[in-house]
Amino acid sequence: MEMKYMTIGEVSAYLQLSEETLYKYVRQGLIPAAKIGRHWRFERNSLDAWVAAKTQGNQPAAGSSARSSLNILIVDDDAAIRQLLVYWIKAAGHPDIEPKRPRMATSPWN
């Protein structure tokens, strides 16, 4: 079977992802690719296998809306600011965030 190598533009059209997203995936090692000279090349069979693995529930497919667990530490002594940050985080698509009661740190210098 002959191997078909694709350019970043071809892969962008094939996977319906922006070239910018593909470059990010390549830098992070998330997508199978090989750099030949100054250009990235993608083997079509490897891409098909990568997409198949992503759609079988191993990990979310590229561009999917599935989210992983999110931990955020908000440090501010103003309750209104903390509430505003929690509101923004929920509005950004993380509705399950639950603020924990703030703890006051004690210092040996008190």
C-alpha atoms as a PDB file:
ATOM      1  CA  MET A   1       0.000   0.000   0.000  1.00  0.00           C
ATOM      2  CA  GLU A   2       1.370   3.401  -0.971  1.00  0.00           C
ATOM      3  CA  MET A   3       1.732   5.927   1.856  1.00  0.00           C
ATOM      4  CA  LYS A   4       0.064   9.263   1.294  1.00  0.00           C
ATOM      5  CA  TYR A   5       1.754  12.222   2.947  1.00  0.00           C
ATOM      6  CA  MET A   6      -0.192  15.413   3.449  1.00  0.00           C
ATOM      7  CA  THR A   7       0.800  19.035   4.013  1.00  0.00           C
ATOM      8  CA  ILE A   8      -0.500  21.147   6.877  1.00  0.00           C
ATOM      9  CA  GLY A   9      -2.998  22.781   4.485  1.00  0.00           C
ATOM     10  CA  GLU A  10      -4.313  19.430   3.289  1.00  0.00           C
ATOM     11  CA  VAL A  11      -4.650  18.136   6.852  1.00  0.00           C
ATOM     12  CA  SER A  12      -6.430  21.343   7.834  1.00  0.00           C
ATOM     13  CA  ALA A  13      -9.039  20.762   5.134  1.00  0.00           C
ATOM     14  CA  TYR A  14      -9.209  16.997   5.809  1.00  0.00           C
ATOM     15  CA  LEU A  15      -9.783  17.313   9.577  1.00  0.00           C
ATOM     16  CA  GLN A  16     -11.617  20.652   9.354  1.00  0.00           C
ATOM     17  CA  LEU A  17      -9.211  22.241  11.832  1.00  0.00           C
ATOM     18  CA  SER A  18      -7.369  25.512  11.447  1.00  0.00           C
ATOM     19  CA  GLU A  19      -3.686  25.413  10.555  1.00  0.00           C
ATOM     20  CA  GLU A  20      -2.999  27.288  13.795  1.00  0.00           C
ATOM     21  CA  THR A  21      -4.630  24.496  15.823  1.00  0.00           C
ATOM     22  CA  LEU A  22      -2.673  21.857  13.915  1.00  0.00           C
ATOM     23  CA  TYR A  23       0.626  23.649  14.599  1.00  0.00           C
ATOM     24  CA  LYS A  24      -0.312  23.771  18.300  1.00  0.00           C
ATOM     25  CA  TYR A  25      -1.065  20.021  18.301  1.00  0.00           C
ATOM     26  CA  VAL A  26       2.241  19.321  16.531  1.00  0.00           C
ATOM     27  CA  ARG A  27       4.223  21.400  19.062  1.00  0.00           C
ATOM     28  CA  GLN A  28       2.514  19.560  21.929  1.00  0.00           C
ATOM     29  CA  GLY A  29       3.056  16.152  20.305  1.00  0.00           C
ATOM     30  CA  LEU A  30      -0.686  15.474  20.204  1.00  0.00           C
ATOM     31  CA  ILE A  31      -0.906  14.550  16.527  1.00  0.00           C
ATOM     32  CA  PRO A  32       1.344  12.190  14.523  1.00  0.00           C
ATOM     33  CA  ALA A  33       3.607  14.244  12.247  1.00  0.00           C
ATOM     34  CA  ALA A  34       7.128  14.357  10.864  1.00  0.00           C
ATOM     35  CA  LYS A  35       9.194  17.418  10.109  1.00  0.00           C
ATOM     36  CA  ILE A  36      10.962  17.142   6.775  1.00  0.00           C
ATOM     37  CA  GLY A  37      13.265  20.106   6.327  1.00  0.00           C
ATOM     38  CA  ARG A  38      11.232  23.116   7.362  1.00  0.00           C
ATOM     39  CA  HIS A  39       7.862  21.550   6.609  1.00  0.00           C
ATOM     40  CA  TRP A  40       5.565  19.263   8.565  1.00  0.00           C
ATOM     41  CA  ARG A  41       4.180  16.174   6.840  1.00  0.00           C
ATOM     42  CA  PHE A  42       1.380  13.911   7.989  1.00  0.00           C
ATOM     43  CA  GLU A  43       0.775  10.319   6.948  1.00  0.00           C
ATOM     44  CA  ARG A  44      -2.886   9.867   6.096  1.00  0.00           C
ATOM     45  CA  ASN A  45      -3.111   6.367   7.612  1.00  0.00           C
ATOM     46  CA  SER A  46      -1.637   7.652  10.895  1.00  0.00           C
ATOM     47  CA  LEU A  47      -4.132  10.525  10.938  1.00  0.00           C
ATOM     48  CA  ASP A  48      -7.035   8.137  10.348  1.00  0.00           C
ATOM     49  CA  ALA A  49      -5.826   5.910  13.203  1.00  0.00           C
ATOM     50  CA  TRP A  50      -5.380   8.973  15.450  1.00  0.00           C
ATOM     51  CA  VAL A  51      -8.931  10.171  14.746  1.00  0.00           C
ATOM     52  CA  ALA A  52     -10.311   6.650  15.277  1.00  0.00           C
ATOM     53  CA  ALA A  53      -8.564   6.423  18.674  1.00  0.00           C
ATOM     54  CA  LYS A  54      -9.968   9.801  19.689  1.00  0.00           C
ATOM     55  CA  THR A  55     -13.517   8.894  18.716  1.00  0.00           C
ATOM     56  CA  GLN A  56     -13.462   5.551  20.556  1.00  0.00           C
ATOM     57  CA  GLY A  57     -13.542   7.337  23.903  1.00  0.00           C
ATOM     58  CA  ASN A  58      -9.814   7.179  24.654  1.00  0.00           C
ATOM     59  CA  GLN A  59      -9.584  10.964  24.606  1.00  0.00           C
ATOM     60  CA  PRO A  60     -11.731  13.772  23.232  1.00  0.00           C
ATOM     61  CA  ALA A  61     -11.301  14.334  19.504  1.00  0.00           C
ATOM     62  CA  ALA A  62      -9.629  17.524  18.348  1.00  0.00           C
ATOM     63  CA  GLY A  63     -11.996  20.441  18.688  1.00  0.00           C
ATOM     64  CA  SER A  64     -14.487  18.533  20.843  1.00  0.00           C
ATOM     65  CA  SER A  65     -16.219  20.203  23.737  1.00  0.00           C
ATOM     66  CA  ALA A  66     -15.321  17.542  26.313  1.00  0.00           C
ATOM     67  CA  ARG A  67     -13.392  19.008  29.224  1.00  0.00           C
ATOM     68  CA  SER A  68     -10.993  17.524  31.688  1.00  0.00           C
ATOM     69  CA  SER A  69     -10.970  18.195  35.396  1.00  0.00           C
ATOM     70  CA  LEU A  70     -10.188  21.788  36.262  1.00  0.00           C
ATOM     71  CA  ASN A  71      -8.569  23.089  39.441  1.00  0.00           C
ATOM     72  CA  ILE A  72      -8.303  26.824  39.992  1.00  0.00           C
ATOM     73  CA  LEU A  73      -6.865  28.643  42.963  1.00  0.00           C
ATOM     74  CA  ILE A  74      -8.336  32.090  43.486  1.00  0.00           C
ATOM     75  CA  VAL A  75      -6.518  34.192  46.032  1.00  0.00           C
ATOM     76  CA  ASP A  76      -8.135  37.491  46.890  1.00  0.00           C
ATOM     77  CA  ASP A  77      -9.311  39.011  50.161  1.00  0.00           C
ATOM     78  CA  ASP A  78     -12.286  40.744  48.536  1.00  0.00           C
ATOM     79  CA  ALA A  79     -15.367  38.476  48.486  1.00  0.00           C
ATOM     80  CA  ALA A  80     -16.901  40.412  45.573  1.00  0.00           C
ATOM     81  CA  ILE A  81     -13.827  39.754  43.412  1.00  0.00           C
ATOM     82  CA  ARG A  82     -13.907  36.050  44.297  1.00  0.00           C
ATOM     83  CA  GLN A  83     -17.610  35.852  43.371  1.00  0.00           C
ATOM     84  CA  LEU A  84     -16.959  37.660  40.084  1.00  0.00           C
ATOM     85  CA  LEU A  85     -14.156  35.257  39.168  1.00  0.00           C
ATOM     86  CA  VAL A  86     -16.346  32.233  39.958  1.00  0.00           C
ATOM     87  CA  TYR A  87     -19.109  33.762  37.787  1.00  0.00           C
ATOM     88  CA  TRP A  88     -16.691  34.228  34.853  1.00  0.00           C
ATOM     89  CA  ILE A  89     -15.358  30.687  35.186  1.00  0.00           C
ATOM     90  CA  LYS A  90     -18.899  29.276  35.155  1.00  0.00           C
ATOM     91  CA  ALA A  91     -19.783  31.475  32.165  1.00  0.00           C
ATOM     92  CA  ALA A  92     -16.709  30.117  30.352  1.00  0.00           C
ATOM     93  CA  GLY A  93     -18.205  26.631  30.412  1.00  0.00           C
ATOM     94  CA  HIS A  94     -17.207  25.177  33.780  1.00  0.00           C
ATOM     95  CA  PRO A  95     -20.565  25.079  35.592  1.00  0.00           C
ATOM     96  CA  ASP A  96     -19.468  22.485  38.156  1.00  0.00           C
ATOM     97  CA  ILE A  97     -16.977  24.752  39.893  1.00  0.00           C
ATOM     98  CA  GLU A  98     -17.732  25.007  43.569  1.00  0.00           C
ATOM     99  CA  PRO A  99     -15.945  27.651  45.601  1.00  0.00           C
ATOM    100  CA  LYS A 100     -14.576  26.448  48.888  1.00  0.00           C
ATOM    101  CA  ARG A 101     -14.706  28.463  52.042  1.00  0.00           C
ATOM    102  CA  PRO A 102     -11.654  30.692  52.282  1.00  0.00           C
ATOM    103  CA  ARG A 103      -9.095  29.897  54.924  1.00  0.00           C
ATOM    104  CA  MET A 104      -7.073  32.553  56.585  1.00  0.00           C
ATOM    105  CA  ALA A 105      -3.374  31.866  56.639  1.00  0.00           C
ATOM    106  CA  THR A 106      -1.597  32.496  59.862  1.00  0.00           C
ATOM    107  CA  SER A 107       1.936  33.651  59.983  1.00  0.00           C
ATOM    108  CA  PRO A 108       4.559  33.262  62.700  1.00  0.00           C
ATOM    109  CA  TRP A 109       5.153  37.017  62.523  1.00  0.00           C
ATOM    110  CA  ASN A 110       1.747  37.975  63.996  1.00  0.00           C
END
